[in-house]
Amino acid sequence: MNETMFQKCKRLFKEVEVNIDPKASVLKKMIILMDFAIEYRFHGVYLLDYIQYDFYSKTRRERKKYVVHGKLLEIMRVCNNPKHRYIFDQKPEFDKAFFNYLHRDWMDVKNTSYEKFAEFIKTKDSFFAKQPDGMFGTGVEKVFVKDIEDLHKLYEDYRRREILCEETLTQCSEMMEFNDTSINTLRVVSIVRADGKVEIMGGLLRVGRKGSIADNFHHQGICAYIDPITGIVCTLGVDKNNDRHILHPDSKKKIVGFQIPIWKEVVDTVKKAALEFPDMRYIGWDIVITNDYEIALVEGNPGADPDAEQITTKEGRWPYYEKYLRGIRKLNNCT
């Protein structure tokens, strides 16, 4: 449900009390509120942007450098053909289109017989059950086959909910050392430039916490920025509470300075995948490096929010995107 403006104001007042000044006067709150209202109206800044990027302590010149919600919509509008968005929004469609990049078995239960579903299950210790349109790590469940009590009932439930089942990926030892209960992933963002070449815009190391199956930033995971040239993690790890970590808080493995294994191969794979649908120019690719060092695509996100990149680097990323958008706009106007 969308927030009313009154609800937004109330939440902003609460954020002021928690994050800026617990004793803030009504006047100070009103000044911040007016500042946010101007940013929202004229610059496409959503409340989450205003809060998580500390806009209340930044100048307009500093704020202009951030990819806020309005600018993210602009990137998507300029770069991505809406006719092909369904391939990335629907997980079964993605798995069909990028089958050669998956390195795992999968099954769309709504289009599968019970017999084939049972055959899929019996060869596995565990698998992931995913809602076809889930986002931010939601709608994903890890299922252990030994815990299934009624396979036919599970099949009917999955078929009704149109669940996608995917074989559990392995991960290389270097990534597993951060946390062995989650599959720890990379987020690599690409843009297909106007000249048809693929540019790697940035990368994130994403690791889960002990006991969690999710590594997602929005599910208490930790992320850190990867230098796209070297593949070395060059910032502290950050979680959703904005706590920053040199070491993983559970495993104590060092985050800063970690060299992503086979980074060149990761980049080469992303560049190849990005050209499968070159009119979907802006994609955030989620990647697993498997235990035998294959590069497995988990999904591609055509609306990838660079919030974690901007939070980890404490730097607005808009200037990096703007120079490529200019060329793509010209190309779009000529075609």
C-alpha atoms as a PDB file:
ATOM      1  CA  MET A   1       0.000   0.000   0.000  1.00  0.00           C
ATOM      2  CA  ASN A   2       1.353   3.427  -0.973  1.00  0.00           C
ATOM      3  CA  GLU A   3       2.035   5.895   1.810  1.00  0.00           C
ATOM      4  CA  THR A   4       0.019   9.077   2.052  1.00  0.00           C
ATOM      5  CA  MET A   5       1.944  12.352   2.334  1.00  0.00           C
ATOM      6  CA  PHE A   6       0.909  12.509   5.998  1.00  0.00           C
ATOM      7  CA  GLN A   7       2.438   9.071   6.567  1.00  0.00           C
ATOM      8  CA  LYS A   8       5.622  10.121   4.764  1.00  0.00           C
ATOM      9  CA  CYS A   9       5.895  13.210   6.973  1.00  0.00           C
ATOM     10  CA  LYS A  10       5.346  11.164  10.101  1.00  0.00           C
ATOM     11  CA  ARG A  11       8.030   8.684   9.071  1.00  0.00           C
ATOM     12  CA  LEU A  12      10.451  11.460   8.193  1.00  0.00           C
ATOM     13  CA  PHE A  13       9.909  13.084  11.606  1.00  0.00           C
ATOM     14  CA  LYS A  14      10.694   9.734  13.215  1.00  0.00           C
ATOM     15  CA  GLU A  15      13.862   9.373  11.133  1.00  0.00           C
ATOM     16  CA  VAL A  16      14.953  12.866  12.193  1.00  0.00           C
ATOM     17  CA  GLU A  17      14.580  11.854  15.842  1.00  0.00           C
ATOM     18  CA  VAL A  18      16.464   8.585  15.385  1.00  0.00           C
ATOM     19  CA  ASN A  19      19.212   9.517  12.926  1.00  0.00           C
ATOM     20  CA  ILE A  20      19.757  13.275  13.138  1.00  0.00           C
ATOM     21  CA  ASP A  21      18.754  14.864  16.420  1.00  0.00           C
ATOM     22  CA  PRO A  22      16.731  13.111  19.149  1.00  0.00           C
ATOM     23  CA  LYS A  23      15.867  16.537  20.565  1.00  0.00           C
ATOM     24  CA  ALA A  24      15.061  18.214  17.256  1.00  0.00           C
ATOM     25  CA  SER A  25      12.570  21.037  17.605  1.00  0.00           C
ATOM     26  CA  VAL A  26       9.374  21.176  15.591  1.00  0.00           C
ATOM     27  CA  LEU A  27      10.930  24.028  13.598  1.00  0.00           C
ATOM     28  CA  LYS A  28      13.987  21.927  12.653  1.00  0.00           C
ATOM     29  CA  LYS A  29      11.752  19.042  11.637  1.00  0.00           C
ATOM     30  CA  MET A  30       9.669  21.360   9.482  1.00  0.00           C
ATOM     31  CA  ILE A  31      12.781  22.756   7.770  1.00  0.00           C
ATOM     32  CA  ILE A  32      13.951  19.210   6.939  1.00  0.00           C
ATOM     33  CA  LEU A  33      10.451  18.316   5.787  1.00  0.00           C
ATOM     34  CA  MET A  34      10.333  21.297   3.424  1.00  0.00           C
ATOM     35  CA  ASP A  35      13.781  20.371   2.105  1.00  0.00           C
ATOM     36  CA  PHE A  36      12.612  16.836   1.376  1.00  0.00           C
ATOM     37  CA  ALA A  37       9.411  18.105  -0.269  1.00  0.00           C
ATOM     38  CA  ILE A  38      11.467  20.228  -2.675  1.00  0.00           C
ATOM     39  CA  GLU A  39      13.768  17.303  -3.496  1.00  0.00           C
ATOM     40  CA  TYR A  40      10.770  15.018  -4.050  1.00  0.00           C
ATOM     41  CA  ARG A  41       8.889  17.476  -6.251  1.00  0.00           C
ATOM     42  CA  PHE A  42      11.707  18.728  -8.437  1.00  0.00           C
ATOM     43  CA  HIS A  43      14.430  16.069  -8.373  1.00  0.00           C
ATOM     44  CA  GLY A  44      12.679  12.680  -8.023  1.00  0.00           C
ATOM     45  CA  VAL A  45      14.131  12.013  -4.571  1.00  0.00           C
ATOM     46  CA  TYR A  46      12.097   9.456  -2.637  1.00  0.00           C
ATOM     47  CA  LEU A  47      12.030   9.399   1.149  1.00  0.00           C
ATOM     48  CA  LEU A  48      14.283   6.335   1.268  1.00  0.00           C
ATOM     49  CA  ASP A  49      16.822   8.140  -0.921  1.00  0.00           C
ATOM     50  CA  TYR A  50      16.737  11.198   1.320  1.00  0.00           C
ATOM     51  CA  ILE A  51      17.318   9.114   4.438  1.00  0.00           C
ATOM     52  CA  GLN A  52      19.847   6.493   3.323  1.00  0.00           C
ATOM     53  CA  TYR A  53      22.061   8.985   1.458  1.00  0.00           C
ATOM     54  CA  ASP A  54      22.047  11.481   4.343  1.00  0.00           C
ATOM     55  CA  PHE A  55      20.683  14.224   2.101  1.00  0.00           C
ATOM     56  CA  TYR A  56      19.854  16.360   5.139  1.00  0.00           C
ATOM     57  CA  SER A  57      23.610  16.925   5.571  1.00  0.00           C
ATOM     58  CA  LYS A  58      24.503  17.343   1.869  1.00  0.00           C
ATOM     59  CA  THR A  59      24.466  20.302  -0.490  1.00  0.00           C
ATOM     60  CA  ARG A  60      22.425  20.301  -3.689  1.00  0.00           C
ATOM     61  CA  ARG A  61      25.668  19.949  -5.652  1.00  0.00           C
ATOM     62  CA  GLU A  62      26.510  16.770  -3.723  1.00  0.00           C
ATOM     63  CA  ARG A  63      22.960  15.441  -4.038  1.00  0.00           C
ATOM     64  CA  LYS A  64      22.993  15.812  -7.832  1.00  0.00           C
ATOM     65  CA  LYS A  65      25.631  13.064  -8.047  1.00  0.00           C
ATOM     66  CA  TYR A  66      23.338  10.377  -6.581  1.00  0.00           C
ATOM     67  CA  VAL A  67      21.203   7.956  -8.542  1.00  0.00           C
ATOM     68  CA  VAL A  68      17.928   8.594  -6.731  1.00  0.00           C
ATOM     69  CA  HIS A  69      14.625   6.957  -7.665  1.00  0.00           C
ATOM     70  CA  GLY A  70      13.788   9.443 -10.392  1.00  0.00           C
ATOM     71  CA  LYS A  71      17.193   8.971 -12.045  1.00  0.00           C
ATOM     72  CA  LEU A  72      16.939   5.186 -11.775  1.00  0.00           C
ATOM     73  CA  LEU A  73      13.653   5.374 -13.682  1.00  0.00           C
ATOM     74  CA  GLU A  74      15.437   7.506 -16.288  1.00  0.00           C
ATOM     75  CA  ILE A  75      18.204   4.903 -16.675  1.00  0.00           C
ATOM     76  CA  MET A  76      15.619   2.164 -17.145  1.00  0.00           C
ATOM     77  CA  ARG A  77      13.550   4.233 -19.608  1.00  0.00           C
ATOM     78  CA  VAL A  78      16.536   5.129 -21.775  1.00  0.00           C
ATOM     79  CA  CYS A  79      18.282   1.764 -21.658  1.00  0.00           C
ATOM     80  CA  ASN A  80      15.716  -1.012 -21.535  1.00  0.00           C
ATOM     81  CA  ASN A  81      13.161  -2.100 -24.131  1.00  0.00           C
ATOM     82  CA  PRO A  82       9.907  -2.808 -22.235  1.00  0.00           C
ATOM     83  CA  LYS A  83       9.055  -5.554 -24.742  1.00  0.00           C
ATOM     84  CA  HIS A  84      11.863  -7.708 -23.357  1.00  0.00           C
ATOM     85  CA  ARG A  85      11.538  -6.830 -19.686  1.00  0.00           C
ATOM     86  CA  TYR A  86       9.381  -9.916 -18.997  1.00  0.00           C
ATOM     87  CA  ILE A  87      12.418 -12.130 -19.652  1.00  0.00           C
ATOM     88  CA  PHE A  88      14.127 -10.640 -16.615  1.00  0.00           C
ATOM     89  CA  ASP A  89      11.055 -10.100 -14.426  1.00  0.00           C
ATOM     90  CA  GLN A  90       9.814 -13.695 -14.683  1.00  0.00           C
ATOM     91  CA  LYS A  91      12.316 -16.238 -13.374  1.00  0.00           C
ATOM     92  CA  PRO A  92      11.133 -19.132 -15.609  1.00  0.00           C
ATOM     93  CA  GLU A  93      11.566 -16.922 -18.674  1.00  0.00           C
ATOM     94  CA  PHE A  94      15.052 -15.937 -17.518  1.00  0.00           C
ATOM     95  CA  ASP A  95      16.047 -19.556 -16.948  1.00  0.00           C
ATOM     96  CA  LYS A  96      14.869 -20.483 -20.456  1.00  0.00           C
ATOM     97  CA  ALA A  97      16.627 -17.565 -22.124  1.00  0.00           C
ATOM     98  CA  PHE A  98      19.909 -17.960 -20.198  1.00  0.00           C
ATOM     99  CA  PHE A  99      19.941 -21.741 -19.815  1.00  0.00           C
ATOM    100  CA  ASN A 100      23.582 -22.008 -20.936  1.00  0.00           C
ATOM    101  CA  TYR A 101      24.668 -19.656 -18.141  1.00  0.00           C
ATOM    102  CA  LEU A 102      22.821 -21.332 -15.237  1.00  0.00           C
ATOM    103  CA  HIS A 103      24.961 -24.424 -14.480  1.00  0.00           C
ATOM    104  CA  ARG A 104      22.076 -25.954 -12.542  1.00  0.00           C
ATOM    105  CA  ASP A 105      18.937 -27.971 -13.125  1.00  0.00           C
ATOM    106  CA  TRP A 106      15.554 -26.205 -12.894  1.00  0.00           C
ATOM    107  CA  MET A 107      11.853 -26.863 -13.306  1.00  0.00           C
ATOM    108  CA  ASP A 108       8.790 -24.673 -13.876  1.00  0.00           C
ATOM    109  CA  VAL A 109       6.250 -26.663 -11.856  1.00  0.00           C
ATOM    110  CA  LYS A 110       3.126 -25.176 -13.476  1.00  0.00           C
ATOM    111  CA  ASN A 111       4.183 -26.783 -16.785  1.00  0.00           C
ATOM    112  CA  THR A 112       5.419 -30.068 -15.322  1.00  0.00           C
ATOM    113  CA  SER A 113       3.737 -33.387 -14.568  1.00  0.00           C
ATOM    114  CA  TYR A 114       3.848 -34.899 -11.101  1.00  0.00           C
ATOM    115  CA  GLU A 115       6.018 -37.742 -12.410  1.00  0.00           C
ATOM    116  CA  LYS A 116       8.673 -35.366 -13.750  1.00  0.00           C
ATOM    117  CA  PHE A 117       8.535 -33.305 -10.556  1.00  0.00           C
ATOM    118  CA  ALA A 118       9.127 -36.470  -8.484  1.00  0.00           C
ATOM    119  CA  GLU A 119      12.038 -37.409 -10.768  1.00  0.00           C
ATOM    120  CA  PHE A 120      13.539 -33.935 -10.298  1.00  0.00           C
ATOM    121  CA  ILE A 121      13.270 -34.180  -6.511  1.00  0.00           C
ATOM    122  CA  LYS A 122      14.633 -37.675  -5.952  1.00  0.00           C
ATOM    123  CA  THR A 123      18.106 -36.900  -7.249  1.00  0.00           C
ATOM    124  CA  LYS A 124      18.665 -33.953  -4.886  1.00  0.00           C
ATOM    125  CA  ASP A 125      19.280 -33.341  -1.200  1.00  0.00           C
ATOM    126  CA  SER A 126      17.860 -29.814  -1.408  1.00  0.00           C
ATOM    127  CA  PHE A 127      16.538 -27.254  -3.876  1.00  0.00           C
ATOM    128  CA  PHE A 128      15.267 -23.687  -3.948  1.00  0.00           C
ATOM    129  CA  ALA A 129      11.588 -22.924  -4.471  1.00  0.00           C
ATOM    130  CA  LYS A 130      11.084 -19.456  -5.939  1.00  0.00           C
ATOM    131  CA  GLN A 131       8.093 -17.300  -6.719  1.00  0.00           C
ATOM    132  CA  PRO A 132       8.393 -16.387 -10.397  1.00  0.00           C
ATOM    133  CA  ASP A 133       8.292 -12.626  -9.802  1.00  0.00           C
ATOM    134  CA  GLY A 134       9.993 -12.329  -6.390  1.00  0.00           C
ATOM    135  CA  MET A 135      12.311  -9.372  -5.706  1.00  0.00           C
ATOM    136  CA  PHE A 136      14.963  -8.381  -3.123  1.00  0.00           C
ATOM    137  CA  GLY A 137      15.406 -12.009  -2.122  1.00  0.00           C
ATOM    138  CA  THR A 138      11.744 -12.429  -1.178  1.00  0.00           C
ATOM    139  CA  GLY A 139       9.701 -15.456  -2.143  1.00  0.00           C
ATOM    140  CA  VAL A 140      12.669 -17.842  -1.949  1.00  0.00           C
ATOM    141  CA  GLU A 141      12.688 -20.960   0.213  1.00  0.00           C
ATOM    142  CA  LYS A 142      15.367 -23.599   0.578  1.00  0.00           C
ATOM    143  CA  VAL A 143      13.704 -27.013   0.750  1.00  0.00           C
ATOM    144  CA  PHE A 144      15.412 -30.113   2.142  1.00  0.00           C
ATOM    145  CA  VAL A 145      14.071 -33.237   0.445  1.00  0.00           C
ATOM    146  CA  LYS A 146      14.272 -35.321   3.640  1.00  0.00           C
ATOM    147  CA  ASP A 147      11.764 -32.951   5.284  1.00  0.00           C
ATOM    148  CA  ILE A 148       9.053 -33.392   2.613  1.00  0.00           C
ATOM    149  CA  GLU A 149       6.157 -35.302   4.153  1.00  0.00           C
ATOM    150  CA  ASP A 150       3.695 -35.424   1.245  1.00  0.00           C
ATOM    151  CA  LEU A 151       5.292 -34.978  -2.169  1.00  0.00           C
ATOM    152  CA  HIS A 152       1.983 -34.969  -4.075  1.00  0.00           C
ATOM    153  CA  LYS A 153       0.568 -32.255  -1.843  1.00  0.00           C
ATOM    154  CA  LEU A 154       3.738 -30.200  -2.290  1.00  0.00           C
ATOM    155  CA  TYR A 155       3.491 -30.593  -6.065  1.00  0.00           C
ATOM    156  CA  GLU A 156      -0.113 -29.370  -6.124  1.00  0.00           C
ATOM    157  CA  ASP A 157       0.792 -26.401  -3.928  1.00  0.00           C
ATOM    158  CA  TYR A 158       3.746 -25.457  -6.143  1.00  0.00           C
ATOM    159  CA  ARG A 159       1.712 -25.869  -9.296  1.00  0.00           C
ATOM    160  CA  ARG A 160      -1.033 -23.607  -7.925  1.00  0.00           C
ATOM    161  CA  ARG A 161       1.503 -20.944  -6.938  1.00  0.00           C
ATOM    162  CA  GLU A 162       3.493 -21.369 -10.179  1.00  0.00           C
ATOM    163  CA  ILE A 163       6.699 -22.052  -8.273  1.00  0.00           C
ATOM    164  CA  LEU A 164      10.058 -22.370  -9.985  1.00  0.00           C
ATOM    165  CA  CYS A 165      12.346 -25.043  -8.533  1.00  0.00           C
ATOM    166  CA  GLU A 166      16.097 -24.740  -8.968  1.00  0.00           C
ATOM    167  CA  GLU A 167      18.903 -27.059  -8.009  1.00  0.00           C
ATOM    168  CA  THR A 168      20.966 -25.750  -5.084  1.00  0.00           C
ATOM    169  CA  LEU A 169      24.129 -24.163  -6.365  1.00  0.00           C
ATOM    170  CA  THR A 170      27.504 -24.881  -4.848  1.00  0.00           C
ATOM    171  CA  GLN A 171      30.042 -22.122  -4.220  1.00  0.00           C
ATOM    172  CA  CYS A 172      33.801 -21.916  -4.290  1.00  0.00           C
ATOM    173  CA  SER A 173      35.690 -22.282  -1.018  1.00  0.00           C
ATOM    174  CA  GLU A 174      36.855 -18.645  -0.965  1.00  0.00           C
ATOM    175  CA  MET A 175      33.270 -17.396  -0.998  1.00  0.00           C
ATOM    176  CA  MET A 176      31.963 -20.090   1.360  1.00  0.00           C
ATOM    177  CA  GLU A 177      34.475 -19.039   4.013  1.00  0.00           C
ATOM    178  CA  PHE A 178      32.476 -15.858   4.616  1.00  0.00           C
ATOM    179  CA  ASN A 179      29.313 -17.772   5.538  1.00  0.00           C
ATOM    180  CA  ASP A 180      28.475 -21.390   4.778  1.00  0.00           C
ATOM    181  CA  THR A 181      24.688 -21.239   5.356  1.00  0.00           C
ATOM    182  CA  SER A 182      24.074 -18.886   2.424  1.00  0.00           C
ATOM    183  CA  ILE A 183      25.127 -18.963  -1.205  1.00  0.00           C
ATOM    184  CA  ASN A 184      27.229 -15.812  -1.314  1.00  0.00           C
ATOM    185  CA  THR A 185      26.946 -13.936  -4.574  1.00  0.00           C
ATOM    186  CA  LEU A 186      28.288 -11.114  -6.697  1.00  0.00           C
ATOM    187  CA  ARG A 187      26.205  -8.313  -8.179  1.00  0.00           C
ATOM    188  CA  VAL A 188      27.799  -7.019 -11.386  1.00  0.00           C
ATOM    189  CA  VAL A 189      26.135  -4.133 -13.226  1.00  0.00           C
ATOM    190  CA  SER A 190      26.546  -3.686 -16.967  1.00  0.00           C
ATOM    191  CA  ILE A 191      25.511  -1.158 -19.591  1.00  0.00           C
ATOM    192  CA  VAL A 192      25.513  -1.822 -23.324  1.00  0.00           C
ATOM    193  CA  ARG A 193      26.878   1.439 -24.660  1.00  0.00           C
ATOM    194  CA  ALA A 194      25.628   3.204 -27.787  1.00  0.00           C
ATOM    195  CA  ASP A 195      28.573   1.737 -29.736  1.00  0.00           C
ATOM    196  CA  GLY A 196      27.505  -1.787 -28.756  1.00  0.00           C
ATOM    197  CA  LYS A 197      30.344  -2.412 -26.319  1.00  0.00           C
ATOM    198  CA  VAL A 198      29.593  -3.535 -22.775  1.00  0.00           C
ATOM    199  CA  GLU A 199      30.755  -1.424 -19.842  1.00  0.00           C
ATOM    200  CA  ILE A 200      31.027  -2.861 -16.330  1.00  0.00           C
ATOM    201  CA  MET A 201      29.627  -0.113 -14.102  1.00  0.00           C
ATOM    202  CA  GLY A 202      30.418  -1.662 -10.746  1.00  0.00           C
ATOM    203  CA  GLY A 203      30.258  -4.731  -8.581  1.00  0.00           C
ATOM    204  CA  LEU A 204      29.279  -5.863  -5.115  1.00  0.00           C
ATOM    205  CA  LEU A 205      30.345  -8.731  -2.909  1.00  0.00           C
ATOM    206  CA  ARG A 206      27.243  -9.954  -1.041  1.00  0.00           C
ATOM    207  CA  VAL A 207      27.544 -12.322   1.909  1.00  0.00           C
ATOM    208  CA  GLY A 208      24.989 -13.639   4.375  1.00  0.00           C
ATOM    209  CA  ARG A 209      25.009 -13.867   8.151  1.00  0.00           C
ATOM    210  CA  LYS A 210      25.378 -17.051  10.163  1.00  0.00           C
ATOM    211  CA  GLY A 211      22.246 -19.204   9.984  1.00  0.00           C
ATOM    212  CA  SER A 212      20.679 -17.218   7.139  1.00  0.00           C
ATOM    213  CA  ILE A 213      20.158 -18.636   3.635  1.00  0.00           C
ATOM    214  CA  ALA A 214      20.016 -15.129   2.122  1.00  0.00           C
ATOM    215  CA  ASP A 215      22.946 -12.866   1.287  1.00  0.00           C
ATOM    216  CA  ASN A 216      20.741 -10.009   0.085  1.00  0.00           C
ATOM    217  CA  PHE A 217      21.450  -6.524   1.464  1.00  0.00           C
ATOM    218  CA  HIS A 218      17.731  -6.104   2.140  1.00  0.00           C
ATOM    219  CA  HIS A 219      17.687  -9.303   4.246  1.00  0.00           C
ATOM    220  CA  GLN A 220      20.448  -8.465   6.745  1.00  0.00           C
ATOM    221  CA  GLY A 221      23.223  -9.454   4.387  1.00  0.00           C
ATOM    222  CA  ILE A 222      26.496  -7.552   4.100  1.00  0.00           C
ATOM    223  CA  CYS A 223      27.767  -5.977   0.897  1.00  0.00           C
ATOM    224  CA  ALA A 224      31.006  -4.306  -0.144  1.00  0.00           C
ATOM    225  CA  TYR A 225      32.052  -2.585  -3.354  1.00  0.00           C
ATOM    226  CA  ILE A 226      34.292  -4.373  -5.852  1.00  0.00           C
ATOM    227  CA  ASP A 227      36.725  -2.435  -8.016  1.00  0.00           C
ATOM    228  CA  PRO A 228      35.476  -3.392 -11.501  1.00  0.00           C
ATOM    229  CA  ILE A 229      39.008  -3.317 -12.960  1.00  0.00           C
ATOM    230  CA  THR A 230      40.860  -5.456 -10.422  1.00  0.00           C
ATOM    231  CA  GLY A 231      38.068  -7.448  -8.790  1.00  0.00           C
ATOM    232  CA  ILE A 232      39.352  -6.456  -5.348  1.00  0.00           C
ATOM    233  CA  VAL A 233      36.905  -5.432  -2.601  1.00  0.00           C
ATOM    234  CA  CYS A 234      37.826  -1.826  -1.873  1.00  0.00           C
ATOM    235  CA  THR A 235      35.318  -0.698   0.793  1.00  0.00           C
ATOM    236  CA  LEU A 236      34.181  -1.851   4.193  1.00  0.00           C
ATOM    237  CA  GLY A 237      31.245  -4.230   4.301  1.00  0.00           C
ATOM    238  CA  VAL A 238      27.942  -2.525   5.083  1.00  0.00           C
ATOM    239  CA  ASP A 239      24.620  -3.915   6.297  1.00  0.00           C
ATOM    240  CA  LYS A 240      21.115  -2.442   6.217  1.00  0.00           C
ATOM    241  CA  ASN A 241      21.644  -0.930   9.682  1.00  0.00           C
ATOM    242  CA  ASN A 242      24.590   0.998   8.190  1.00  0.00           C
ATOM    243  CA  ASP A 243      27.041  -0.874  10.404  1.00  0.00           C
ATOM    244  CA  ARG A 244      30.412  -1.149   8.667  1.00  0.00           C
ATOM    245  CA  HIS A 245      32.690  -4.195   8.867  1.00  0.00           C
ATOM    246  CA  ILE A 246      36.353  -4.809   8.114  1.00  0.00           C
ATOM    247  CA  LEU A 247      35.830  -8.478   8.982  1.00  0.00           C
ATOM    248  CA  HIS A 248      32.730 -10.612   8.575  1.00  0.00           C
ATOM    249  CA  PRO A 249      31.137 -10.394  12.054  1.00  0.00           C
ATOM    250  CA  ASP A 250      30.569 -14.162  12.290  1.00  0.00           C
ATOM    251  CA  SER A 251      33.383 -15.890  10.382  1.00  0.00           C
ATOM    252  CA  LYS A 252      35.950 -13.100  10.920  1.00  0.00           C
ATOM    253  CA  LYS A 253      37.095 -13.470   7.314  1.00  0.00           C
ATOM    254  CA  LYS A 254      38.490 -10.177   6.046  1.00  0.00           C
ATOM    255  CA  ILE A 255      36.193  -8.316   3.663  1.00  0.00           C
ATOM    256  CA  VAL A 256      38.368  -5.337   2.719  1.00  0.00           C
ATOM    257  CA  GLY A 257      41.000  -6.331   0.165  1.00  0.00           C
ATOM    258  CA  PHE A 258      39.369  -9.683  -0.722  1.00  0.00           C
ATOM    259  CA  GLN A 259      40.223 -10.707  -4.277  1.00  0.00           C
ATOM    260  CA  ILE A 260      37.210 -12.096  -6.115  1.00  0.00           C
ATOM    261  CA  PRO A 261      38.277 -15.423  -7.667  1.00  0.00           C
ATOM    262  CA  ILE A 262      38.457 -15.626 -11.488  1.00  0.00           C
ATOM    263  CA  TRP A 263      37.306 -12.004 -11.793  1.00  0.00           C
ATOM    264  CA  LYS A 264      38.330 -11.727 -15.459  1.00  0.00           C
ATOM    265  CA  GLU A 265      36.130 -14.722 -16.290  1.00  0.00           C
ATOM    266  CA  VAL A 266      33.255 -13.168 -14.318  1.00  0.00           C
ATOM    267  CA  VAL A 267      33.557  -9.963 -16.354  1.00  0.00           C
ATOM    268  CA  ASP A 268      33.809 -11.867 -19.649  1.00  0.00           C
ATOM    269  CA  THR A 269      30.676 -13.864 -18.801  1.00  0.00           C
ATOM    270  CA  VAL A 270      28.699 -10.731 -17.911  1.00  0.00           C
ATOM    271  CA  LYS A 271      29.742  -9.021 -21.131  1.00  0.00           C
ATOM    272  CA  LYS A 272      28.649 -12.049 -23.147  1.00  0.00           C
ATOM    273  CA  ALA A 273      25.319 -12.363 -21.321  1.00  0.00           C
ATOM    274  CA  ALA A 274      24.631  -8.630 -21.708  1.00  0.00           C
ATOM    275  CA  LEU A 275      24.665  -9.005 -25.494  1.00  0.00           C
ATOM    276  CA  GLU A 276      22.057 -11.773 -25.529  1.00  0.00           C
ATOM    277  CA  PHE A 277      19.405  -9.037 -25.409  1.00  0.00           C
ATOM    278  CA  PRO A 278      21.323  -5.871 -26.329  1.00  0.00           C
ATOM    279  CA  ASP A 279      18.202  -3.678 -26.183  1.00  0.00           C
ATOM    280  CA  MET A 280      18.091  -4.449 -22.448  1.00  0.00           C
ATOM    281  CA  ARG A 281      21.132  -2.274 -21.906  1.00  0.00           C
ATOM    282  CA  TYR A 282      21.055  -1.838 -18.125  1.00  0.00           C
ATOM    283  CA  ILE A 283      21.159  -5.046 -16.070  1.00  0.00           C
ATOM    284  CA  GLY A 284      22.381  -5.989 -12.599  1.00  0.00           C
ATOM    285  CA  TRP A 285      23.576  -9.600 -12.800  1.00  0.00           C
ATOM    286  CA  ASP A 286      23.595 -11.845  -9.721  1.00  0.00           C
ATOM    287  CA  ILE A 287      26.366 -14.406  -9.970  1.00  0.00           C
ATOM    288  CA  VAL A 288      27.667 -17.453  -8.111  1.00  0.00           C
ATOM    289  CA  ILE A 289      31.147 -18.869  -8.543  1.00  0.00           C
ATOM    290  CA  THR A 290      30.584 -22.605  -8.109  1.00  0.00           C
ATOM    291  CA  ASN A 291      32.836 -25.067  -6.323  1.00  0.00           C
ATOM    292  CA  ASP A 292      34.376 -26.090  -9.661  1.00  0.00           C
ATOM    293  CA  TYR A 293      34.809 -22.433 -10.636  1.00  0.00           C
ATOM    294  CA  GLU A 294      32.027 -22.167 -13.167  1.00  0.00           C
ATOM    295  CA  ILE A 295      30.236 -18.820 -13.369  1.00  0.00           C
ATOM    296  CA  ALA A 296      26.522 -19.311 -12.789  1.00  0.00           C
ATOM    297  CA  LEU A 297      23.964 -16.585 -13.412  1.00  0.00           C
ATOM    298  CA  VAL A 298      21.288 -16.476 -10.707  1.00  0.00           C
ATOM    299  CA  GLU A 299      19.199 -13.701 -12.270  1.00  0.00           C
ATOM    300  CA  GLY A 300      19.367 -10.421 -14.139  1.00  0.00           C
ATOM    301  CA  ASN A 301      17.712  -7.346 -12.675  1.00  0.00           C
ATOM    302  CA  PRO A 302      16.659  -4.659 -15.213  1.00  0.00           C
ATOM    303  CA  GLY A 303      15.827  -2.223 -12.411  1.00  0.00           C
ATOM    304  CA  ALA A 304      18.948  -2.764 -10.316  1.00  0.00           C
ATOM    305  CA  ASP A 305      19.083  -0.021  -7.693  1.00  0.00           C
ATOM    306  CA  PRO A 306      22.661   1.182  -7.127  1.00  0.00           C
ATOM    307  CA  ASP A 307      21.775   2.020  -3.516  1.00  0.00           C
ATOM    308  CA  ALA A 308      24.243  -0.468  -2.050  1.00  0.00           C
ATOM    309  CA  GLU A 309      27.002   0.774  -4.374  1.00  0.00           C
ATOM    310  CA  GLN A 310      26.389   4.357  -3.270  1.00  0.00           C
ATOM    311  CA  ILE A 311      26.136   3.456   0.411  1.00  0.00           C
ATOM    312  CA  THR A 312      29.336   1.380   0.411  1.00  0.00           C
ATOM    313  CA  THR A 313      31.402   3.919  -1.541  1.00  0.00           C
ATOM    314  CA  LYS A 314      29.734   6.987   0.034  1.00  0.00           C
ATOM    315  CA  GLU A 315      29.716   8.370  -3.481  1.00  0.00           C
ATOM    316  CA  GLY A 316      26.932   9.241  -5.926  1.00  0.00           C
ATOM    317  CA  ARG A 317      27.153   7.137  -9.083  1.00  0.00           C
ATOM    318  CA  TRP A 318      25.120   9.316 -11.466  1.00  0.00           C
ATOM    319  CA  PRO A 319      28.128  10.901 -13.276  1.00  0.00           C
ATOM    320  CA  TYR A 320      29.349   7.426 -14.260  1.00  0.00           C
ATOM    321  CA  TYR A 321      25.996   6.614 -15.879  1.00  0.00           C
ATOM    322  CA  GLU A 322      25.185   9.996 -17.388  1.00  0.00           C
ATOM    323  CA  LYS A 323      28.030   9.966 -19.913  1.00  0.00           C
ATOM    324  CA  TYR A 324      26.776   6.685 -21.415  1.00  0.00           C
ATOM    325  CA  LEU A 325      23.120   7.725 -21.313  1.00  0.00           C
ATOM    326  CA  ARG A 326      23.880  10.717 -23.543  1.00  0.00           C
ATOM    327  CA  GLY A 327      25.067   8.442 -26.345  1.00  0.00           C
ATOM    328  CA  ILE A 328      22.156   6.001 -25.906  1.00  0.00           C
ATOM    329  CA  ARG A 329      19.630   8.869 -26.020  1.00  0.00           C
ATOM    330  CA  LYS A 330      21.091  10.093 -29.306  1.00  0.00           C
ATOM    331  CA  LEU A 331      20.974   6.566 -30.709  1.00  0.00           C
ATOM    332  CA  ASN A 332      17.335   6.143 -29.615  1.00  0.00           C
ATOM    333  CA  ASN A 333      16.354   9.426 -31.270  1.00  0.00           C
ATOM    334  CA  CYS A 334      17.926   8.315 -34.542  1.00  0.00           C
ATOM    335  CA  THR A 335      16.194   4.930 -34.688  1.00  0.00           C
END
